[in-house]
Amino acid sequence: MALVLHLAYFSVLNLAMVLLGYVFLKNKQVALGWLMLVAGILVIYIIFLQEHPIIRMLAIIATTFTGMKVIAVTEGYKGQSLKLSFKQWLVYAVGWVGMRAQPFETLGQKALPGGGSMVRFGISRVIAGGMLILLAHGVVSLHLASALTYILVTLMLLIGFSLVLHFGMLSISAGMWRFSGVNTYYLFRQPAKALSLTELWSKRWNIAFSEMTSVAIFRPLRHRIGPTGALLASFIFSGLLHELALSVPVNSGYGLPTLYFLIQGVLVLVEKSRINRKVNLLQNPVIAHIWVFFWLIVPMPLLFHEEFVKQILWPMAGL
């Protein structure tokens, strides 16, 4: 009964944030958007403090996305006339994960091509991810060495859930919106083909996140602290948001996700420095792939730390 009440509070709060968000958007009130984001997360944290970590995580993530949409869209429309109607804003805020609302200006117009293939792609990834999660159950039943089981199952679950959500459900959502005339797009664009960390984080992995940090953090700070400082600030901010999603729900691992993204930011600066000096070993595709996968995977225990894995990842799979 308490959970139902808490979910009701969650729904009312997020709806209020969406409604207020349109007012902030029309009046270009970015500062009020930031204030609402912080207040909203704090209220949700208090409301869900005694709930299961999975429920707490989902509530915090959803509220964070709601608040960041207000900020990113308000920043994105600065210097532009607002063509987004309230209905279009409402549909976008509730129904799409991306951080650009402009595609929803054409909501209700003629269907755009490519929707069907995106839906089919998404369904295939949901199936593949589901099979990998089931396979993880099989690995647990083999009763291998505990350390080996932990590593294998955790990797399988991370990939499996990513296939289901990132490549599956989000691709289905993108395809469905195209049927309604909205120029939505893949938010995860073949990340395995990335030949640098710069390419991975800016063009291939979680485009919604890169859109958000670019519009809400990098662009406003670039002229104040320079591009290098703004880029590092963007990665640190990404780390802080991952703290909310991965550390706060389990009350453990604080600082580790931020460290992971700080490392990524420093490495991106190293890449840019090498390119500027025309010393670019990443021109070799084999070396480039090794570089990307090494720095993506080796520090990953910082991001998906032990308590997150134990309290959220494994229980989400019923393990």
C-alpha atoms as a PDB file:
ATOM      1  CA  MET A   1       0.000   0.000   0.000  1.00  0.00           C
ATOM      2  CA  ALA A   2       2.863   2.364   0.843  1.00  0.00           C
ATOM      3  CA  LEU A   3       4.463   1.701  -2.542  1.00  0.00           C
ATOM      4  CA  VAL A   4       1.236   2.611  -4.348  1.00  0.00           C
ATOM      5  CA  LEU A   5       1.060   5.866  -2.420  1.00  0.00           C
ATOM      6  CA  HIS A   6       4.701   6.631  -3.170  1.00  0.00           C
ATOM      7  CA  LEU A   7       4.154   5.957  -6.875  1.00  0.00           C
ATOM      8  CA  ALA A   8       1.197   8.335  -6.790  1.00  0.00           C
ATOM      9  CA  TYR A   9       3.413  11.032  -5.254  1.00  0.00           C
ATOM     10  CA  PHE A  10       6.010  10.297  -7.941  1.00  0.00           C
ATOM     11  CA  SER A  11       3.453  10.692 -10.731  1.00  0.00           C
ATOM     12  CA  VAL A  12       2.070  13.963  -9.355  1.00  0.00           C
ATOM     13  CA  LEU A  13       5.549  15.407  -8.829  1.00  0.00           C
ATOM     14  CA  ASN A  14       6.777  14.518 -12.322  1.00  0.00           C
ATOM     15  CA  LEU A  15       3.580  15.813 -13.928  1.00  0.00           C
ATOM     16  CA  ALA A  16       4.001  19.076 -12.018  1.00  0.00           C
ATOM     17  CA  MET A  17       7.605  19.298 -13.240  1.00  0.00           C
ATOM     18  CA  VAL A  18       6.443  18.806 -16.828  1.00  0.00           C
ATOM     19  CA  LEU A  19       3.731  21.466 -16.517  1.00  0.00           C
ATOM     20  CA  LEU A  20       6.054  23.962 -14.839  1.00  0.00           C
ATOM     21  CA  GLY A  21       8.713  23.052 -17.375  1.00  0.00           C
ATOM     22  CA  TYR A  22       6.660  24.451 -20.228  1.00  0.00           C
ATOM     23  CA  VAL A  23       6.291  27.730 -18.357  1.00  0.00           C
ATOM     24  CA  PHE A  24      10.068  27.852 -17.816  1.00  0.00           C
ATOM     25  CA  LEU A  25      10.577  26.975 -21.487  1.00  0.00           C
ATOM     26  CA  LYS A  26       8.348  29.783 -22.719  1.00  0.00           C
ATOM     27  CA  ASN A  27      10.082  32.290 -20.446  1.00  0.00           C
ATOM     28  CA  LYS A  28      13.614  30.912 -20.992  1.00  0.00           C
ATOM     29  CA  GLN A  29      14.028  30.325 -17.236  1.00  0.00           C
ATOM     30  CA  VAL A  30      17.005  27.949 -17.131  1.00  0.00           C
ATOM     31  CA  ALA A  31      17.946  28.785 -13.524  1.00  0.00           C
ATOM     32  CA  LEU A  32      14.479  27.839 -12.277  1.00  0.00           C
ATOM     33  CA  GLY A  33      14.800  24.591 -14.204  1.00  0.00           C
ATOM     34  CA  TRP A  34      17.989  23.721 -12.310  1.00  0.00           C
ATOM     35  CA  LEU A  35      16.330  24.600  -9.016  1.00  0.00           C
ATOM     36  CA  MET A  36      13.350  22.391  -9.854  1.00  0.00           C
ATOM     37  CA  LEU A  37      15.658  19.516 -10.802  1.00  0.00           C
ATOM     38  CA  VAL A  38      17.506  19.573  -7.484  1.00  0.00           C
ATOM     39  CA  ALA A  39      14.300  19.943  -5.459  1.00  0.00           C
ATOM     40  CA  GLY A  40      12.550  17.179  -7.393  1.00  0.00           C
ATOM     41  CA  ILE A  41      15.379  14.672  -6.908  1.00  0.00           C
ATOM     42  CA  LEU A  42      15.584  15.483  -3.195  1.00  0.00           C
ATOM     43  CA  VAL A  43      11.831  14.973  -2.702  1.00  0.00           C
ATOM     44  CA  ILE A  44      11.867  11.686  -4.635  1.00  0.00           C
ATOM     45  CA  TYR A  45      14.852  10.447  -2.630  1.00  0.00           C
ATOM     46  CA  ILE A  46      13.013  11.128   0.626  1.00  0.00           C
ATOM     47  CA  ILE A  47       9.755   9.554  -0.599  1.00  0.00           C
ATOM     48  CA  PHE A  48      11.444   6.342  -1.795  1.00  0.00           C
ATOM     49  CA  LEU A  49      14.016   6.101   0.995  1.00  0.00           C
ATOM     50  CA  GLN A  50      12.501   2.903   2.431  1.00  0.00           C
ATOM     51  CA  GLU A  51      11.655   1.248  -0.888  1.00  0.00           C
ATOM     52  CA  HIS A  52      13.686  -1.459  -2.636  1.00  0.00           C
ATOM     53  CA  PRO A  53      16.851  -0.078  -4.309  1.00  0.00           C
ATOM     54  CA  ILE A  54      15.504  -1.000  -7.755  1.00  0.00           C
ATOM     55  CA  ILE A  55      12.333   1.039  -7.232  1.00  0.00           C
ATOM     56  CA  ARG A  56      14.362   3.882  -5.743  1.00  0.00           C
ATOM     57  CA  MET A  57      16.745   3.836  -8.714  1.00  0.00           C
ATOM     58  CA  LEU A  58      13.969   3.920 -11.318  1.00  0.00           C
ATOM     59  CA  ALA A  59      12.176   6.778  -9.545  1.00  0.00           C
ATOM     60  CA  ILE A  60      15.362   8.851  -9.283  1.00  0.00           C
ATOM     61  CA  ILE A  61      16.326   8.211 -12.923  1.00  0.00           C
ATOM     62  CA  ALA A  62      12.867   9.133 -14.231  1.00  0.00           C
ATOM     63  CA  THR A  63      12.721  12.330 -12.181  1.00  0.00           C
ATOM     64  CA  THR A  64      16.245  13.288 -13.217  1.00  0.00           C
ATOM     65  CA  PHE A  65      15.322  12.831 -16.879  1.00  0.00           C
ATOM     66  CA  THR A  66      12.205  14.961 -16.431  1.00  0.00           C
ATOM     67  CA  GLY A  67      14.185  17.793 -14.862  1.00  0.00           C
ATOM     68  CA  MET A  68      17.048  17.582 -17.358  1.00  0.00           C
ATOM     69  CA  LYS A  69      14.605  17.710 -20.280  1.00  0.00           C
ATOM     70  CA  VAL A  70      13.323  21.049 -18.994  1.00  0.00           C
ATOM     71  CA  ILE A  71      16.867  22.398 -18.729  1.00  0.00           C
ATOM     72  CA  ALA A  72      18.181  20.986 -22.020  1.00  0.00           C
ATOM     73  CA  VAL A  73      15.148  22.042 -24.072  1.00  0.00           C
ATOM     74  CA  THR A  74      15.102  25.524 -22.541  1.00  0.00           C
ATOM     75  CA  GLU A  75      18.809  25.924 -23.369  1.00  0.00           C
ATOM     76  CA  GLY A  76      18.206  24.466 -26.823  1.00  0.00           C
ATOM     77  CA  TYR A  77      15.532  27.051 -27.674  1.00  0.00           C
ATOM     78  CA  LYS A  78      17.598  30.018 -26.496  1.00  0.00           C
ATOM     79  CA  GLY A  79      17.726  32.591 -29.259  1.00  0.00           C
ATOM     80  CA  GLN A  80      14.958  30.794 -31.165  1.00  0.00           C
ATOM     81  CA  SER A  81      11.229  31.314 -31.378  1.00  0.00           C
ATOM     82  CA  LEU A  82       9.324  28.582 -29.579  1.00  0.00           C
ATOM     83  CA  LYS A  83       7.404  26.520 -32.139  1.00  0.00           C
ATOM     84  CA  LEU A  84       6.641  23.692 -29.737  1.00  0.00           C
ATOM     85  CA  SER A  85       3.011  23.659 -28.643  1.00  0.00           C
ATOM     86  CA  PHE A  86       2.025  22.590 -25.139  1.00  0.00           C
ATOM     87  CA  LYS A  87       0.619  19.307 -26.489  1.00  0.00           C
ATOM     88  CA  GLN A  88       3.834  18.594 -28.366  1.00  0.00           C
ATOM     89  CA  TRP A  89       5.884  19.420 -25.271  1.00  0.00           C
ATOM     90  CA  LEU A  90       3.735  17.145 -23.116  1.00  0.00           C
ATOM     91  CA  VAL A  91       4.006  14.232 -25.546  1.00  0.00           C
ATOM     92  CA  TYR A  92       7.762  14.738 -25.872  1.00  0.00           C
ATOM     93  CA  ALA A  93       8.363  15.067 -22.128  1.00  0.00           C
ATOM     94  CA  VAL A  94       6.421  11.910 -21.315  1.00  0.00           C
ATOM     95  CA  GLY A  95       7.104   9.780 -24.372  1.00  0.00           C
ATOM     96  CA  TRP A  96      10.662  10.265 -25.647  1.00  0.00           C
ATOM     97  CA  VAL A  97      14.044   9.857 -23.981  1.00  0.00           C
ATOM     98  CA  GLY A  98      16.036  12.170 -26.265  1.00  0.00           C
ATOM     99  CA  MET A  99      16.991  15.641 -25.081  1.00  0.00           C
ATOM    100  CA  ARG A 100      15.994  17.543 -28.234  1.00  0.00           C
ATOM    101  CA  ALA A 101      12.315  18.516 -28.452  1.00  0.00           C
ATOM    102  CA  GLN A 102      12.519  20.071 -31.942  1.00  0.00           C
ATOM    103  CA  PRO A 103      11.627  16.802 -33.746  1.00  0.00           C
ATOM    104  CA  PHE A 104       8.237  16.876 -31.972  1.00  0.00           C
ATOM    105  CA  GLU A 105       7.320  20.143 -33.684  1.00  0.00           C
ATOM    106  CA  THR A 106       6.071  17.946 -36.567  1.00  0.00           C
ATOM    107  CA  LEU A 107       4.038  15.602 -34.354  1.00  0.00           C
ATOM    108  CA  GLY A 108       0.875  14.488 -36.150  1.00  0.00           C
ATOM    109  CA  GLN A 109       2.161  15.064 -39.662  1.00  0.00           C
ATOM    110  CA  LYS A 110       2.792  12.481 -42.381  1.00  0.00           C
ATOM    111  CA  ALA A 111       4.606   9.326 -41.272  1.00  0.00           C
ATOM    112  CA  LEU A 112       8.362   9.343 -41.884  1.00  0.00           C
ATOM    113  CA  PRO A 113      10.205   6.440 -43.503  1.00  0.00           C
ATOM    114  CA  GLY A 114      12.311   3.995 -41.507  1.00  0.00           C
ATOM    115  CA  GLY A 115       9.958   3.422 -38.606  1.00  0.00           C
ATOM    116  CA  GLY A 116       9.269  -0.201 -39.424  1.00  0.00           C
ATOM    117  CA  SER A 117      12.931  -1.169 -39.691  1.00  0.00           C
ATOM    118  CA  MET A 118      13.684   0.553 -36.375  1.00  0.00           C
ATOM    119  CA  VAL A 119      10.881  -1.347 -34.660  1.00  0.00           C
ATOM    120  CA  ARG A 120      12.075  -4.654 -36.120  1.00  0.00           C
ATOM    121  CA  PHE A 121      15.636  -3.882 -35.086  1.00  0.00           C
ATOM    122  CA  GLY A 122      14.473  -3.106 -31.549  1.00  0.00           C
ATOM    123  CA  ILE A 123      12.409  -6.290 -31.249  1.00  0.00           C
ATOM    124  CA  SER A 124      15.381  -8.407 -32.355  1.00  0.00           C
ATOM    125  CA  ARG A 125      17.562  -6.788 -29.695  1.00  0.00           C
ATOM    126  CA  VAL A 126      14.972  -7.305 -26.966  1.00  0.00           C
ATOM    127  CA  ILE A 127      14.873 -11.007 -27.864  1.00  0.00           C
ATOM    128  CA  ALA A 128      18.680 -11.255 -27.940  1.00  0.00           C
ATOM    129  CA  GLY A 129      18.988  -9.479 -24.604  1.00  0.00           C
ATOM    130  CA  GLY A 130      16.328 -11.656 -23.019  1.00  0.00           C
ATOM    131  CA  MET A 131      18.132 -14.795 -24.184  1.00  0.00           C
ATOM    132  CA  LEU A 132      21.408 -13.524 -22.726  1.00  0.00           C
ATOM    133  CA  ILE A 133      19.733 -12.880 -19.367  1.00  0.00           C
ATOM    134  CA  LEU A 134      18.317 -16.409 -19.416  1.00  0.00           C
ATOM    135  CA  LEU A 135      21.783 -17.717 -20.260  1.00  0.00           C
ATOM    136  CA  ALA A 136      23.106 -15.911 -17.185  1.00  0.00           C
ATOM    137  CA  HIS A 137      20.693 -17.978 -15.094  1.00  0.00           C
ATOM    138  CA  GLY A 138      22.206 -21.075 -16.674  1.00  0.00           C
ATOM    139  CA  VAL A 139      25.725 -19.988 -15.760  1.00  0.00           C
ATOM    140  CA  VAL A 140      24.661 -19.539 -12.123  1.00  0.00           C
ATOM    141  CA  SER A 141      23.254 -23.069 -12.090  1.00  0.00           C
ATOM    142  CA  LEU A 142      26.643 -24.486 -13.147  1.00  0.00           C
ATOM    143  CA  HIS A 143      28.058 -23.643  -9.689  1.00  0.00           C
ATOM    144  CA  LEU A 144      31.420 -22.460 -10.992  1.00  0.00           C
ATOM    145  CA  ALA A 145      33.954 -20.657  -8.815  1.00  0.00           C
ATOM    146  CA  SER A 146      32.209 -17.716  -7.172  1.00  0.00           C
ATOM    147  CA  ALA A 147      34.580 -15.057  -8.580  1.00  0.00           C
ATOM    148  CA  LEU A 148      34.256 -16.446 -12.106  1.00  0.00           C
ATOM    149  CA  THR A 149      30.478 -16.683 -11.789  1.00  0.00           C
ATOM    150  CA  TYR A 150      30.299 -13.084 -10.553  1.00  0.00           C
ATOM    151  CA  ILE A 151      32.330 -11.748 -13.486  1.00  0.00           C
ATOM    152  CA  LEU A 152      30.636 -13.822 -16.196  1.00  0.00           C
ATOM    153  CA  VAL A 153      27.075 -13.271 -14.986  1.00  0.00           C
ATOM    154  CA  THR A 154      27.589  -9.557 -14.358  1.00  0.00           C
ATOM    155  CA  LEU A 155      28.962  -9.030 -17.872  1.00  0.00           C
ATOM    156  CA  MET A 156      26.125 -11.049 -19.388  1.00  0.00           C
ATOM    157  CA  LEU A 157      23.502  -9.100 -17.446  1.00  0.00           C
ATOM    158  CA  LEU A 158      25.010  -5.714 -18.325  1.00  0.00           C
ATOM    159  CA  ILE A 159      25.045  -6.607 -22.013  1.00  0.00           C
ATOM    160  CA  GLY A 160      21.646  -8.289 -21.830  1.00  0.00           C
ATOM    161  CA  PHE A 161      19.862  -5.398 -20.138  1.00  0.00           C
ATOM    162  CA  SER A 162      21.593  -2.943 -22.472  1.00  0.00           C
ATOM    163  CA  LEU A 163      20.333  -4.882 -25.481  1.00  0.00           C
ATOM    164  CA  VAL A 164      16.796  -4.941 -24.072  1.00  0.00           C
ATOM    165  CA  LEU A 165      16.635  -1.263 -23.078  1.00  0.00           C
ATOM    166  CA  HIS A 166      19.186   0.755 -25.039  1.00  0.00           C
ATOM    167  CA  PHE A 167      19.127  -1.076 -28.346  1.00  0.00           C
ATOM    168  CA  GLY A 168      15.700  -2.669 -28.015  1.00  0.00           C
ATOM    169  CA  MET A 169      12.994  -0.628 -26.333  1.00  0.00           C
ATOM    170  CA  LEU A 170      14.484   2.756 -27.236  1.00  0.00           C
ATOM    171  CA  SER A 171      14.759   1.740 -30.900  1.00  0.00           C
ATOM    172  CA  ILE A 172      11.145   0.544 -30.872  1.00  0.00           C
ATOM    173  CA  SER A 173      10.117   3.863 -29.332  1.00  0.00           C
ATOM    174  CA  ALA A 174      12.033   5.797 -32.008  1.00  0.00           C
ATOM    175  CA  GLY A 175      10.405   3.779 -34.774  1.00  0.00           C
ATOM    176  CA  MET A 176       6.910   4.208 -33.373  1.00  0.00           C
ATOM    177  CA  TRP A 177       7.245   7.998 -33.169  1.00  0.00           C
ATOM    178  CA  ARG A 178       8.302   8.137 -36.805  1.00  0.00           C
ATOM    179  CA  PHE A 179       4.865   6.751 -37.691  1.00  0.00           C
ATOM    180  CA  SER A 180       3.468   9.970 -36.168  1.00  0.00           C
ATOM    181  CA  GLY A 181       5.694  12.266 -38.214  1.00  0.00           C
ATOM    182  CA  VAL A 182       8.378  12.792 -35.562  1.00  0.00           C
ATOM    183  CA  ASN A 183      11.960  12.632 -36.802  1.00  0.00           C
ATOM    184  CA  THR A 184      13.230  10.438 -33.972  1.00  0.00           C
ATOM    185  CA  TYR A 185      16.469   8.501 -34.330  1.00  0.00           C
ATOM    186  CA  TYR A 186      18.605   5.726 -32.888  1.00  0.00           C
ATOM    187  CA  LEU A 187      20.036   6.818 -29.553  1.00  0.00           C
ATOM    188  CA  PHE A 188      22.718   4.095 -29.684  1.00  0.00           C
ATOM    189  CA  ARG A 189      24.475   4.037 -33.047  1.00  0.00           C
ATOM    190  CA  GLN A 190      26.684   0.972 -33.489  1.00  0.00           C
ATOM    191  CA  PRO A 191      29.078   1.826 -30.631  1.00  0.00           C
ATOM    192  CA  ALA A 192      31.316  -1.159 -31.441  1.00  0.00           C
ATOM    193  CA  LYS A 193      32.428   0.695 -34.586  1.00  0.00           C
ATOM    194  CA  ALA A 194      33.838   3.638 -32.633  1.00  0.00           C
ATOM    195  CA  LEU A 195      37.505   4.307 -33.442  1.00  0.00           C
ATOM    196  CA  SER A 196      38.057   6.676 -30.527  1.00  0.00           C
ATOM    197  CA  LEU A 197      36.549   7.488 -27.169  1.00  0.00           C
ATOM    198  CA  THR A 198      35.684  10.909 -28.563  1.00  0.00           C
ATOM    199  CA  GLU A 199      33.596   9.295 -31.286  1.00  0.00           C
ATOM    200  CA  LEU A 200      32.040   6.816 -28.855  1.00  0.00           C
ATOM    201  CA  TRP A 201      30.836   9.374 -26.299  1.00  0.00           C
ATOM    202  CA  SER A 202      29.795  12.108 -28.725  1.00  0.00           C
ATOM    203  CA  LYS A 203      28.305  10.238 -31.689  1.00  0.00           C
ATOM    204  CA  ARG A 204      27.567   6.607 -30.860  1.00  0.00           C
ATOM    205  CA  TRP A 205      26.767   5.862 -27.203  1.00  0.00           C
ATOM    206  CA  ASN A 206      23.633   7.299 -25.577  1.00  0.00           C
ATOM    207  CA  ILE A 207      22.994  10.251 -27.872  1.00  0.00           C
ATOM    208  CA  ALA A 208      20.390  11.544 -25.411  1.00  0.00           C
ATOM    209  CA  PHE A 209      23.100  11.914 -22.771  1.00  0.00           C
ATOM    210  CA  SER A 210      25.566  13.585 -25.135  1.00  0.00           C
ATOM    211  CA  GLU A 211      22.800  15.942 -26.319  1.00  0.00           C
ATOM    212  CA  MET A 212      22.001  16.802 -22.727  1.00  0.00           C
ATOM    213  CA  THR A 213      25.564  17.468 -21.596  1.00  0.00           C
ATOM    214  CA  SER A 214      26.380  19.373 -24.774  1.00  0.00           C
ATOM    215  CA  VAL A 215      23.398  21.719 -24.544  1.00  0.00           C
ATOM    216  CA  ALA A 216      23.072  22.059 -20.761  1.00  0.00           C
ATOM    217  CA  ILE A 217      26.740  21.989 -19.664  1.00  0.00           C
ATOM    218  CA  PHE A 218      29.325  22.299 -22.454  1.00  0.00           C
ATOM    219  CA  ARG A 219      27.837  25.161 -24.463  1.00  0.00           C
ATOM    220  CA  PRO A 220      26.984  27.427 -21.496  1.00  0.00           C
ATOM    221  CA  LEU A 221      30.447  26.886 -19.941  1.00  0.00           C
ATOM    222  CA  ARG A 222      32.586  26.920 -23.087  1.00  0.00           C
ATOM    223  CA  HIS A 223      32.867  30.717 -23.219  1.00  0.00           C
ATOM    224  CA  ARG A 224      33.387  31.016 -19.449  1.00  0.00           C
ATOM    225  CA  ILE A 225      36.043  28.405 -18.704  1.00  0.00           C
ATOM    226  CA  GLY A 226      37.184  27.398 -22.193  1.00  0.00           C
ATOM    227  CA  PRO A 227      36.512  24.235 -24.198  1.00  0.00           C
ATOM    228  CA  THR A 228      38.869  22.054 -22.143  1.00  0.00           C
ATOM    229  CA  GLY A 229      37.267  23.009 -18.833  1.00  0.00           C
ATOM    230  CA  ALA A 230      33.786  22.734 -20.304  1.00  0.00           C
ATOM    231  CA  LEU A 231      34.509  19.246 -21.637  1.00  0.00           C
ATOM    232  CA  LEU A 232      35.824  18.020 -18.282  1.00  0.00           C
ATOM    233  CA  ALA A 233      32.843  19.620 -16.541  1.00  0.00           C
ATOM    234  CA  SER A 234      30.532  17.740 -18.910  1.00  0.00           C
ATOM    235  CA  PHE A 235      32.123  14.406 -18.053  1.00  0.00           C
ATOM    236  CA  ILE A 236      32.094  15.171 -14.320  1.00  0.00           C
ATOM    237  CA  PHE A 237      28.419  16.114 -14.571  1.00  0.00           C
ATOM    238  CA  SER A 238      27.750  12.804 -16.349  1.00  0.00           C
ATOM    239  CA  GLY A 239      29.475  11.092 -13.440  1.00  0.00           C
ATOM    240  CA  LEU A 240      27.303  12.920 -10.908  1.00  0.00           C
ATOM    241  CA  LEU A 241      24.132  11.863 -12.732  1.00  0.00           C
ATOM    242  CA  HIS A 242      25.379   8.271 -12.690  1.00  0.00           C
ATOM    243  CA  GLU A 243      25.995   8.642  -8.947  1.00  0.00           C
ATOM    244  CA  LEU A 244      22.273   9.375  -8.628  1.00  0.00           C
ATOM    245  CA  ALA A 245      21.412   6.282 -10.654  1.00  0.00           C
ATOM    246  CA  LEU A 246      24.020   3.786  -9.432  1.00  0.00           C
ATOM    247  CA  SER A 247      25.296   4.879  -6.003  1.00  0.00           C
ATOM    248  CA  VAL A 248      22.479   6.743  -4.258  1.00  0.00           C
ATOM    249  CA  PRO A 249      19.913   3.897  -4.581  1.00  0.00           C
ATOM    250  CA  VAL A 250      22.263   1.460  -2.810  1.00  0.00           C
ATOM    251  CA  ASN A 251      23.912   4.087  -0.545  1.00  0.00           C
ATOM    252  CA  SER A 252      27.347   2.875  -1.580  1.00  0.00           C
ATOM    253  CA  GLY A 253      30.074   3.394  -4.152  1.00  0.00           C
ATOM    254  CA  TYR A 254      30.016   7.181  -3.926  1.00  0.00           C
ATOM    255  CA  GLY A 255      32.619   8.839  -6.133  1.00  0.00           C
ATOM    256  CA  LEU A 256      33.352   5.770  -8.253  1.00  0.00           C
ATOM    257  CA  PRO A 257      31.049   6.593 -11.207  1.00  0.00           C
ATOM    258  CA  THR A 258      32.339  10.176 -11.198  1.00  0.00           C
ATOM    259  CA  LEU A 259      35.915   8.866 -11.265  1.00  0.00           C
ATOM    260  CA  TYR A 260      35.030   6.621 -14.208  1.00  0.00           C
ATOM    261  CA  PHE A 261      33.719   9.536 -16.250  1.00  0.00           C
ATOM    262  CA  LEU A 262      36.586  11.804 -15.197  1.00  0.00           C
ATOM    263  CA  ILE A 263      38.970   9.184 -16.593  1.00  0.00           C
ATOM    264  CA  GLN A 264      36.971   9.137 -19.836  1.00  0.00           C
ATOM    265  CA  GLY A 265      37.087  12.932 -20.061  1.00  0.00           C
ATOM    266  CA  VAL A 266      40.861  13.035 -19.538  1.00  0.00           C
ATOM    267  CA  LEU A 267      41.335  10.349 -22.189  1.00  0.00           C
ATOM    268  CA  VAL A 268      39.194  12.295 -24.669  1.00  0.00           C
ATOM    269  CA  LEU A 269      41.442  15.312 -24.058  1.00  0.00           C
ATOM    270  CA  VAL A 270      44.481  13.089 -24.652  1.00  0.00           C
ATOM    271  CA  GLU A 271      42.970  11.984 -27.968  1.00  0.00           C
ATOM    272  CA  LYS A 272      42.326  15.567 -29.019  1.00  0.00           C
ATOM    273  CA  SER A 273      45.862  16.552 -28.014  1.00  0.00           C
ATOM    274  CA  ARG A 274      47.401  13.741 -30.084  1.00  0.00           C
ATOM    275  CA  ILE A 275      45.291  14.696 -33.105  1.00  0.00           C
ATOM    276  CA  ASN A 276      46.255  18.361 -32.789  1.00  0.00           C
ATOM    277  CA  ARG A 277      49.925  17.351 -32.724  1.00  0.00           C
ATOM    278  CA  LYS A 278      49.358  15.056 -35.708  1.00  0.00           C
ATOM    279  CA  VAL A 279      50.497  12.058 -33.646  1.00  0.00           C
ATOM    280  CA  ASN A 280      47.436   9.908 -34.004  1.00  0.00           C
ATOM    281  CA  LEU A 281      47.967   6.193 -33.420  1.00  0.00           C
ATOM    282  CA  LEU A 282      44.193   5.736 -33.648  1.00  0.00           C
ATOM    283  CA  GLN A 283      44.439   5.965 -37.427  1.00  0.00           C
ATOM    284  CA  ASN A 284      45.124   2.237 -37.281  1.00  0.00           C
ATOM    285  CA  PRO A 285      41.662   0.643 -36.840  1.00  0.00           C
ATOM    286  CA  VAL A 286      42.989  -2.348 -34.877  1.00  0.00           C
ATOM    287  CA  ILE A 287      44.842  -0.141 -32.378  1.00  0.00           C
ATOM    288  CA  ALA A 288      41.833   2.191 -32.242  1.00  0.00           C
ATOM    289  CA  HIS A 289      39.425  -0.614 -31.311  1.00  0.00           C
ATOM    290  CA  ILE A 290      41.815  -1.992 -28.691  1.00  0.00           C
ATOM    291  CA  TRP A 291      42.184   1.500 -27.208  1.00  0.00           C
ATOM    292  CA  VAL A 292      38.435   2.084 -27.029  1.00  0.00           C
ATOM    293  CA  PHE A 293      37.495  -1.302 -25.587  1.00  0.00           C
ATOM    294  CA  PHE A 294      40.363  -1.312 -23.087  1.00  0.00           C
ATOM    295  CA  TRP A 295      39.470   2.043 -21.567  1.00  0.00           C
ATOM    296  CA  LEU A 296      35.758   1.353 -21.741  1.00  0.00           C
ATOM    297  CA  ILE A 297      35.879  -2.035 -20.006  1.00  0.00           C
ATOM    298  CA  VAL A 298      38.876  -2.088 -17.649  1.00  0.00           C
ATOM    299  CA  PRO A 299      37.653   0.779 -15.387  1.00  0.00           C
ATOM    300  CA  MET A 300      34.041  -0.413 -15.605  1.00  0.00           C
ATOM    301  CA  PRO A 301      33.973  -1.800 -12.017  1.00  0.00           C
ATOM    302  CA  LEU A 302      34.176   1.857 -10.946  1.00  0.00           C
ATOM    303  CA  LEU A 303      30.913   2.558 -12.748  1.00  0.00           C
ATOM    304  CA  PHE A 304      29.024  -0.643 -11.981  1.00  0.00           C
ATOM    305  CA  HIS A 305      30.413  -1.118  -8.501  1.00  0.00           C
ATOM    306  CA  GLU A 306      29.857  -4.162  -6.324  1.00  0.00           C
ATOM    307  CA  GLU A 307      26.860  -3.004  -4.281  1.00  0.00           C
ATOM    308  CA  PHE A 308      25.017  -1.862  -7.415  1.00  0.00           C
ATOM    309  CA  VAL A 309      25.616  -5.272  -8.951  1.00  0.00           C
ATOM    310  CA  LYS A 310      24.492  -7.116  -5.806  1.00  0.00           C
ATOM    311  CA  GLN A 311      21.488  -4.984  -4.848  1.00  0.00           C
ATOM    312  CA  ILE A 312      20.158  -3.983  -8.276  1.00  0.00           C
ATOM    313  CA  LEU A 313      21.662  -5.706 -11.319  1.00  0.00           C
ATOM    314  CA  TRP A 314      21.392  -9.324 -10.198  1.00  0.00           C
ATOM    315  CA  PRO A 315      17.989  -8.902  -8.471  1.00  0.00           C
ATOM    316  CA  MET A 316      16.589  -7.249 -11.652  1.00  0.00           C
ATOM    317  CA  ALA A 317      17.343 -10.545 -13.409  1.00  0.00           C
ATOM    318  CA  GLY A 318      15.787 -12.562 -10.592  1.00  0.00           C
ATOM    319  CA  LEU A 319      19.184 -13.703  -9.312  1.00  0.00           C
END
